[in-house]
Amino acid sequence: MSMGSDMYREQILDHYKNPRNYGELEDPTFSHVGENPMCGDEIKVDVTLAEDGETIEYVSFVGDGCAISQASASLLSQELPGMSLDELEGMDRDDVTEMLGIDISPMRIKCAVLAEKVAQDGAKIYRGEMDLDKTSTED
């Protein structure tokens, strides 16, 4: 075990125990809920856009699930403000694993990307690009 992975593991536990931006926004531009049925994770992401209707201003989330899904949502809520919806939609699982800083097993990757997928699907629904009630990582 390298020193690095321990540090990241601590970061994940820290975000799990003390999630950033946990809660619901007063008047979000859009909200979306998603789940990972495999693990029982469920996350709701609230996003408020700036006046341009394109730049993410605030992100919060509520939900519960495993440490990886919760830490990922917490980290994402810090990463997204300042990004555009296009940038959000352009993110992929590599961006999430990089953010988490650990190698994630194929079994856990759905936990890691849940918040990202929920935010992306929320953006697509908001833009009228997608018609879906709830995101699920069950493909």
N, C-alpha and C. Protein backbone atom coordinates (compact mmCIF):
# COMPACT_ATOMS: atom_id res chain seq x y z
N MET A 1 0.84 -1.21 0.00
CA MET A 1 0.00 0.00 0.00
C MET A 1 0.87 1.25 0.00
N SER A 2 0.63 2.10 -0.95
CA SER A 2 1.39 3.35 -0.98
C SER A 2 0.76 4.34 -0.02
N MET A 3 1.55 5.29 0.40
CA MET A 3 1.05 6.33 1.29
C MET A 3 -0.13 7.06 0.64
N GLY A 4 -0.03 7.26 -0.67
CA GLY A 4 -1.04 8.03 -1.38
C GLY A 4 -2.44 7.48 -1.20
N SER A 5 -2.60 6.16 -1.35
CA SER A 5 -3.95 5.61 -1.30
C SER A 5 -4.55 5.74 0.09
N ASP A 6 -3.72 5.70 1.13
CA ASP A 6 -4.24 5.90 2.48
C ASP A 6 -4.79 7.30 2.63
N MET A 7 -4.07 8.26 2.08
CA MET A 7 -4.51 9.64 2.17
C MET A 7 -5.87 9.79 1.49
N TYR A 8 -6.00 9.17 0.32
CA TYR A 8 -7.26 9.27 -0.41
C TYR A 8 -8.38 8.55 0.32
N ARG A 9 -8.02 7.41 0.93
CA ARG A 9 -9.04 6.68 1.68
C ARG A 9 -9.56 7.56 2.82
N GLU A 10 -8.64 8.28 3.45
CA GLU A 10 -9.04 9.20 4.51
C GLU A 10 -9.94 10.29 3.95
N GLN A 11 -9.61 10.77 2.75
CA GLN A 11 -10.43 11.81 2.12
C GLN A 11 -11.84 11.29 1.90
N ILE A 12 -11.95 10.06 1.43
CA ILE A 12 -13.27 9.48 1.17
C ILE A 12 -14.05 9.35 2.47
N LEU A 13 -13.39 8.87 3.52
CA LEU A 13 -14.07 8.74 4.81
C LEU A 13 -14.47 10.11 5.34
N ASP A 14 -13.62 11.09 5.13
CA ASP A 14 -13.92 12.44 5.61
C ASP A 14 -15.16 12.98 4.90
N HIS A 15 -15.22 12.81 3.58
CA HIS A 15 -16.38 13.29 2.82
C HIS A 15 -17.64 12.49 3.16
N TYR A 16 -17.43 11.22 3.52
CA TYR A 16 -18.57 10.38 3.90
C TYR A 16 -19.14 10.83 5.25
N LYS A 17 -18.23 11.08 6.19
CA LYS A 17 -18.66 11.47 7.54
C LYS A 17 -19.09 12.93 7.61
N ASN A 18 -18.42 13.77 6.84
CA ASN A 18 -18.73 15.21 6.85
C ASN A 18 -19.01 15.68 5.43
N PRO A 19 -20.12 15.23 4.85
CA PRO A 19 -20.35 15.57 3.44
C PRO A 19 -20.48 17.07 3.24
N ARG A 20 -19.86 17.57 2.19
CA ARG A 20 -19.97 18.98 1.85
C ARG A 20 -21.27 19.19 1.09
N ASN A 21 -21.86 20.34 1.29
CA ASN A 21 -23.05 20.72 0.53
C ASN A 21 -24.19 19.72 0.66
N TYR A 22 -24.27 19.10 1.85
CA TYR A 22 -25.34 18.14 2.08
C TYR A 22 -26.61 18.91 2.46
N GLY A 23 -27.70 18.56 1.81
CA GLY A 23 -28.95 19.25 2.10
C GLY A 23 -29.64 19.58 0.80
N GLU A 24 -30.77 20.25 0.91
CA GLU A 24 -31.52 20.59 -0.29
C GLU A 24 -31.46 22.09 -0.51
N LEU A 25 -31.33 22.49 -1.77
CA LEU A 25 -31.31 23.91 -2.10
C LEU A 25 -32.74 24.46 -2.03
N GLU A 26 -32.84 25.71 -1.63
CA GLU A 26 -34.15 26.37 -1.51
C GLU A 26 -34.93 26.32 -2.81
N ASP A 27 -34.30 26.74 -3.88
CA ASP A 27 -35.03 26.91 -5.13
C ASP A 27 -34.14 26.49 -6.29
N PRO A 28 -33.85 25.18 -6.38
CA PRO A 28 -32.90 24.75 -7.42
C PRO A 28 -33.46 24.93 -8.82
N THR A 29 -32.56 25.12 -9.78
CA THR A 29 -32.96 25.18 -11.18
C THR A 29 -33.48 23.80 -11.61
N PHE A 30 -32.79 22.76 -11.17
CA PHE A 30 -33.30 21.41 -11.39
C PHE A 30 -32.81 20.47 -10.30
N SER A 31 -33.59 19.42 -10.09
CA SER A 31 -33.26 18.38 -9.12
C SER A 31 -33.44 17.05 -9.82
N HIS A 32 -32.68 16.09 -9.40
CA HIS A 32 -32.85 14.76 -9.97
C HIS A 32 -32.47 13.72 -8.95
N VAL A 33 -33.13 12.58 -9.02
CA VAL A 33 -32.88 11.49 -8.08
C VAL A 33 -32.38 10.28 -8.86
N GLY A 34 -31.47 9.56 -8.28
CA GLY A 34 -31.01 8.33 -8.92
C GLY A 34 -30.65 7.29 -7.89
N GLU A 35 -30.59 6.06 -8.35
CA GLU A 35 -30.24 5.00 -7.43
C GLU A 35 -29.34 3.98 -8.08
N ASN A 36 -28.62 3.28 -7.23
CA ASN A 36 -27.83 2.14 -7.65
C ASN A 36 -28.44 0.94 -6.94
N PRO A 37 -29.32 0.20 -7.62
CA PRO A 37 -30.06 -0.88 -6.95
C PRO A 37 -29.14 -1.96 -6.39
N MET A 38 -27.99 -2.16 -7.02
CA MET A 38 -27.03 -3.17 -6.56
C MET A 38 -26.64 -2.94 -5.11
N CYS A 39 -26.46 -1.67 -4.77
CA CYS A 39 -25.86 -1.32 -3.49
C CYS A 39 -26.86 -0.63 -2.57
N GLY A 40 -28.02 -0.27 -3.14
CA GLY A 40 -29.01 0.44 -2.33
C GLY A 40 -28.70 1.92 -2.15
N ASP A 41 -27.75 2.44 -2.94
CA ASP A 41 -27.44 3.87 -2.86
C ASP A 41 -28.56 4.66 -3.52
N GLU A 42 -28.93 5.75 -2.90
CA GLU A 42 -29.87 6.66 -3.55
C GLU A 42 -29.40 8.08 -3.30
N ILE A 43 -29.37 8.87 -4.36
CA ILE A 43 -28.88 10.24 -4.24
C ILE A 43 -29.82 11.18 -4.98
N LYS A 44 -30.08 12.32 -4.37
CA LYS A 44 -30.81 13.39 -5.04
C LYS A 44 -29.87 14.57 -5.14
N VAL A 45 -29.71 15.09 -6.34
CA VAL A 45 -28.82 16.22 -6.57
C VAL A 45 -29.67 17.44 -6.94
N ASP A 46 -29.39 18.55 -6.26
CA ASP A 46 -30.02 19.83 -6.59
C ASP A 46 -28.98 20.72 -7.22
N VAL A 47 -29.34 21.38 -8.30
CA VAL A 47 -28.41 22.28 -9.00
C VAL A 47 -29.08 23.62 -9.24
N THR A 48 -28.36 24.69 -8.90
CA THR A 48 -28.83 26.02 -9.22
C THR A 48 -27.88 26.60 -10.25
N LEU A 49 -28.44 27.11 -11.34
CA LEU A 49 -27.63 27.70 -12.40
C LEU A 49 -27.55 29.21 -12.21
N ALA A 50 -26.47 29.78 -12.71
CA ALA A 50 -26.31 31.23 -12.71
C ALA A 50 -27.33 31.82 -13.69
N GLU A 51 -27.38 33.14 -13.74
CA GLU A 51 -28.38 33.80 -14.60
C GLU A 51 -28.23 33.47 -16.07
N ASP A 52 -27.03 33.05 -16.48
CA ASP A 52 -26.85 32.70 -17.90
C ASP A 52 -27.56 31.39 -18.27
N GLY A 53 -28.07 30.67 -17.26
CA GLY A 53 -28.77 29.42 -17.54
C GLY A 53 -27.87 28.30 -17.99
N GLU A 54 -26.56 28.48 -17.81
CA GLU A 54 -25.59 27.52 -18.34
C GLU A 54 -24.51 27.17 -17.32
N THR A 55 -24.15 28.15 -16.48
CA THR A 55 -23.08 27.94 -15.51
C THR A 55 -23.65 27.45 -14.18
N ILE A 56 -23.05 26.38 -13.67
CA ILE A 56 -23.50 25.82 -12.40
C ILE A 56 -23.03 26.73 -11.26
N GLU A 57 -23.97 27.14 -10.43
CA GLU A 57 -23.64 28.04 -9.34
C GLU A 57 -23.56 27.30 -8.00
N TYR A 58 -24.60 26.54 -7.70
CA TYR A 58 -24.62 25.77 -6.45
C TYR A 58 -25.04 24.34 -6.73
N VAL A 59 -24.47 23.43 -5.95
CA VAL A 59 -24.86 22.03 -6.03
C VAL A 59 -25.00 21.51 -4.61
N SER A 60 -26.08 20.81 -4.33
CA SER A 60 -26.19 20.13 -3.05
C SER A 60 -26.76 18.75 -3.31
N PHE A 61 -26.68 17.91 -2.31
CA PHE A 61 -27.23 16.56 -2.49
C PHE A 61 -27.75 16.04 -1.15
N VAL A 62 -28.67 15.12 -1.24
CA VAL A 62 -29.10 14.33 -0.09
C VAL A 62 -29.18 12.90 -0.56
N GLY A 63 -29.16 11.99 0.39
CA GLY A 63 -29.28 10.59 0.02
C GLY A 63 -28.51 9.76 1.01
N ASP A 64 -28.52 8.49 0.76
CA ASP A 64 -27.64 7.67 1.57
C ASP A 64 -27.22 6.46 0.79
N GLY A 65 -26.18 5.86 1.28
CA GLY A 65 -25.58 4.75 0.56
C GLY A 65 -24.19 4.52 1.09
N CYS A 66 -23.40 3.82 0.31
CA CYS A 66 -22.07 3.45 0.76
C CYS A 66 -21.14 4.67 0.76
N ALA A 67 -20.02 4.50 1.41
CA ALA A 67 -19.05 5.60 1.55
C ALA A 67 -18.62 6.15 0.19
N ILE A 68 -18.43 5.27 -0.79
CA ILE A 68 -17.94 5.74 -2.09
C ILE A 68 -18.99 6.59 -2.79
N SER A 69 -20.24 6.17 -2.75
CA SER A 69 -21.27 6.97 -3.44
C SER A 69 -21.46 8.32 -2.76
N GLN A 70 -21.40 8.33 -1.44
CA GLN A 70 -21.61 9.57 -0.70
C GLN A 70 -20.41 10.51 -0.85
N ALA A 71 -19.21 9.96 -0.76
CA ALA A 71 -18.00 10.78 -0.91
C ALA A 71 -17.93 11.35 -2.32
N SER A 72 -18.33 10.55 -3.29
CA SER A 72 -18.32 10.99 -4.68
C SER A 72 -19.29 12.15 -4.86
N ALA A 73 -20.48 12.06 -4.26
CA ALA A 73 -21.47 13.13 -4.36
C ALA A 73 -20.94 14.40 -3.70
N SER A 74 -20.29 14.23 -2.54
CA SER A 74 -19.76 15.36 -1.80
C SER A 74 -18.65 16.06 -2.60
N LEU A 75 -17.73 15.27 -3.14
CA LEU A 75 -16.65 15.81 -3.96
C LEU A 75 -17.19 16.50 -5.20
N LEU A 76 -18.17 15.87 -5.83
CA LEU A 76 -18.77 16.42 -7.04
C LEU A 76 -19.42 17.78 -6.75
N SER A 77 -20.04 17.88 -5.58
CA SER A 77 -20.73 19.13 -5.22
C SER A 77 -19.74 20.28 -5.07
N GLN A 78 -18.46 19.93 -4.86
CA GLN A 78 -17.43 20.96 -4.78
C GLN A 78 -16.80 21.24 -6.14
N GLU A 79 -16.77 20.21 -6.98
CA GLU A 79 -16.15 20.32 -8.30
C GLU A 79 -17.00 21.11 -9.30
N LEU A 80 -18.32 20.88 -9.24
CA LEU A 80 -19.19 21.38 -10.31
C LEU A 80 -19.39 22.89 -10.35
N PRO A 81 -19.52 23.57 -9.20
CA PRO A 81 -19.75 25.02 -9.31
C PRO A 81 -18.68 25.71 -10.16
N GLY A 82 -19.16 26.54 -11.10
CA GLY A 82 -18.24 27.21 -12.02
C GLY A 82 -18.15 26.51 -13.37
N MET A 83 -18.57 25.24 -13.41
CA MET A 83 -18.56 24.52 -14.69
C MET A 83 -19.84 24.83 -15.45
N SER A 84 -19.80 24.63 -16.76
CA SER A 84 -21.00 24.78 -17.56
C SER A 84 -21.72 23.43 -17.64
N LEU A 85 -22.97 23.47 -18.06
CA LEU A 85 -23.71 22.21 -18.24
C LEU A 85 -23.03 21.34 -19.29
N ASP A 86 -22.43 21.97 -20.32
CA ASP A 86 -21.71 21.19 -21.33
C ASP A 86 -20.54 20.44 -20.70
N GLU A 87 -19.83 21.14 -19.81
CA GLU A 87 -18.69 20.49 -19.15
C GLU A 87 -19.16 19.35 -18.27
N LEU A 88 -20.27 19.56 -17.57
CA LEU A 88 -20.84 18.50 -16.74
C LEU A 88 -21.17 17.29 -17.61
N GLU A 89 -21.85 17.55 -18.73
CA GLU A 89 -22.27 16.44 -19.59
C GLU A 89 -21.07 15.74 -20.22
N GLY A 90 -19.94 16.45 -20.31
CA GLY A 90 -18.74 15.86 -20.90
C GLY A 90 -17.93 15.02 -19.92
N MET A 91 -18.29 15.04 -18.65
CA MET A 91 -17.53 14.27 -17.66
C MET A 91 -17.78 12.78 -17.85
N ASP A 92 -16.80 11.98 -17.46
CA ASP A 92 -16.99 10.54 -17.51
C ASP A 92 -16.45 9.89 -16.24
N ARG A 93 -16.48 8.58 -16.22
CA ARG A 93 -16.08 7.88 -14.99
C ARG A 93 -14.62 8.14 -14.62
N ASP A 94 -13.78 8.42 -15.62
CA ASP A 94 -12.38 8.72 -15.30
C ASP A 94 -12.26 9.99 -14.48
N ASP A 95 -13.13 10.96 -14.78
CA ASP A 95 -13.11 12.21 -14.00
C ASP A 95 -13.47 11.92 -12.54
N VAL A 96 -14.40 10.99 -12.36
CA VAL A 96 -14.84 10.67 -11.00
C VAL A 96 -13.76 9.90 -10.24
N THR A 97 -13.16 8.90 -10.92
CA THR A 97 -12.14 8.13 -10.21
C THR A 97 -10.93 9.00 -9.90
N GLU A 98 -10.64 9.93 -10.78
CA GLU A 98 -9.55 10.87 -10.54
C GLU A 98 -9.86 11.75 -9.32
N MET A 99 -11.09 12.18 -9.24
CA MET A 99 -11.55 13.01 -8.14
C MET A 99 -11.45 12.24 -6.82
N LEU A 100 -11.87 10.97 -6.86
CA LEU A 100 -11.82 10.15 -5.65
C LEU A 100 -10.39 9.76 -5.31
N GLY A 101 -9.58 9.60 -6.35
CA GLY A 101 -8.17 9.35 -6.15
C GLY A 101 -7.80 7.92 -5.80
N ILE A 102 -8.72 6.99 -5.98
CA ILE A 102 -8.37 5.59 -5.73
C ILE A 102 -8.81 4.75 -6.92
N ASP A 103 -8.22 3.59 -7.03
CA ASP A 103 -8.67 2.65 -8.05
C ASP A 103 -9.95 2.03 -7.54
N ILE A 104 -10.95 2.02 -8.36
CA ILE A 104 -12.24 1.51 -7.93
C ILE A 104 -12.55 0.24 -8.69
N SER A 105 -12.93 -0.78 -7.94
CA SER A 105 -13.20 -2.08 -8.56
C SER A 105 -14.45 -1.96 -9.43
N PRO A 106 -14.54 -2.83 -10.45
CA PRO A 106 -15.70 -2.79 -11.34
C PRO A 106 -17.02 -2.87 -10.57
N MET A 107 -17.02 -3.60 -9.47
CA MET A 107 -18.23 -3.71 -8.66
C MET A 107 -18.65 -2.37 -8.06
N ARG A 108 -17.66 -1.54 -7.73
CA ARG A 108 -17.94 -0.30 -7.02
C ARG A 108 -18.04 0.92 -7.94
N ILE A 109 -17.75 0.71 -9.23
CA ILE A 109 -17.71 1.87 -10.12
C ILE A 109 -19.10 2.51 -10.21
N LYS A 110 -20.15 1.70 -10.12
CA LYS A 110 -21.50 2.27 -10.19
C LYS A 110 -21.79 3.14 -8.98
N CYS A 111 -21.21 2.78 -7.84
CA CYS A 111 -21.36 3.62 -6.64
C CYS A 111 -20.66 4.96 -6.87
N ALA A 112 -19.49 4.87 -7.47
CA ALA A 112 -18.66 6.07 -7.68
C ALA A 112 -19.29 7.04 -8.66
N VAL A 113 -19.90 6.51 -9.72
CA VAL A 113 -20.40 7.40 -10.78
C VAL A 113 -21.87 7.80 -10.60
N LEU A 114 -22.51 7.28 -9.54
CA LEU A 114 -23.94 7.55 -9.38
C LEU A 114 -24.25 9.05 -9.35
N ALA A 115 -23.57 9.79 -8.50
CA ALA A 115 -23.86 11.23 -8.37
C ALA A 115 -23.63 11.96 -9.69
N GLU A 116 -22.54 11.58 -10.38
CA GLU A 116 -22.24 12.21 -11.66
C GLU A 116 -23.37 11.94 -12.66
N LYS A 117 -23.81 10.69 -12.72
CA LYS A 117 -24.89 10.34 -13.66
C LYS A 117 -26.18 11.07 -13.31
N VAL A 118 -26.47 11.18 -12.01
CA VAL A 118 -27.69 11.87 -11.58
C VAL A 118 -27.63 13.34 -12.00
N ALA A 119 -26.48 13.96 -11.78
CA ALA A 119 -26.33 15.38 -12.16
C ALA A 119 -26.43 15.53 -13.67
N GLN A 120 -25.79 14.63 -14.41
CA GLN A 120 -25.83 14.71 -15.88
C GLN A 120 -27.25 14.49 -16.41
N ASP A 121 -27.93 13.50 -15.87
CA ASP A 121 -29.29 13.23 -16.34
C ASP A 121 -30.21 14.39 -15.97
N GLY A 122 -30.00 14.95 -14.79
CA GLY A 122 -30.79 16.12 -14.38
C GLY A 122 -30.62 17.26 -15.36
N ALA A 123 -29.37 17.47 -15.79
CA ALA A 123 -29.07 18.54 -16.75
C ALA A 123 -29.74 18.25 -18.09
N LYS A 124 -29.71 16.99 -18.51
CA LYS A 124 -30.31 16.62 -19.80
C LYS A 124 -31.82 16.81 -19.77
N ILE A 125 -32.44 16.42 -18.65
CA ILE A 125 -33.89 16.58 -18.52
C ILE A 125 -34.23 18.07 -18.53
N TYR A 126 -33.43 18.84 -17.78
CA TYR A 126 -33.64 20.29 -17.71
C TYR A 126 -33.56 20.91 -19.11
N ARG A 127 -32.62 20.41 -19.91
CA ARG A 127 -32.44 20.95 -21.26
C ARG A 127 -33.40 20.35 -22.27
N GLY A 128 -34.22 19.42 -21.82
CA GLY A 128 -35.18 18.78 -22.73
C GLY A 128 -34.54 17.76 -23.64
N GLU A 129 -33.35 17.26 -23.25
CA GLU A 129 -32.65 16.28 -24.10
C GLU A 129 -33.01 14.86 -23.69
N MET A 130 -33.71 14.74 -22.59
CA MET A 130 -33.96 13.40 -22.08
C MET A 130 -35.25 13.42 -21.30
N ASP A 131 -35.95 12.33 -21.33
CA ASP A 131 -37.23 12.25 -20.64
C ASP A 131 -37.19 11.04 -19.72
N LEU A 132 -36.88 11.26 -18.48
CA LEU A 132 -36.70 10.15 -17.55
C LEU A 132 -37.11 10.59 -16.16
N ASP A 133 -37.72 9.67 -15.42
CA ASP A 133 -38.12 10.02 -14.05
C ASP A 133 -36.95 9.90 -13.09
N LYS A 134 -36.22 8.84 -13.23
CA LYS A 134 -35.23 8.54 -12.21
C LYS A 134 -34.05 7.85 -12.86
N THR A 135 -32.87 8.23 -12.44
CA THR A 135 -31.68 7.59 -12.97
C THR A 135 -31.46 6.28 -12.25
N SER A 136 -31.06 5.29 -12.97
CA SER A 136 -30.65 4.05 -12.34
C SER A 136 -29.38 3.56 -13.02
N THR A 137 -28.47 3.04 -12.20
CA THR A 137 -27.22 2.54 -12.78
C THR A 137 -27.38 1.10 -13.24
N GLU A 138 -28.59 0.60 -13.19
CA GLU A 138 -28.85 -0.75 -13.67
C GLU A 138 -29.04 -0.67 -15.17
N ASP A 139 -28.07 -1.14 -15.91
CA ASP A 139 -28.19 -1.00 -17.38
C ASP A 139 -28.89 -2.22 -17.97
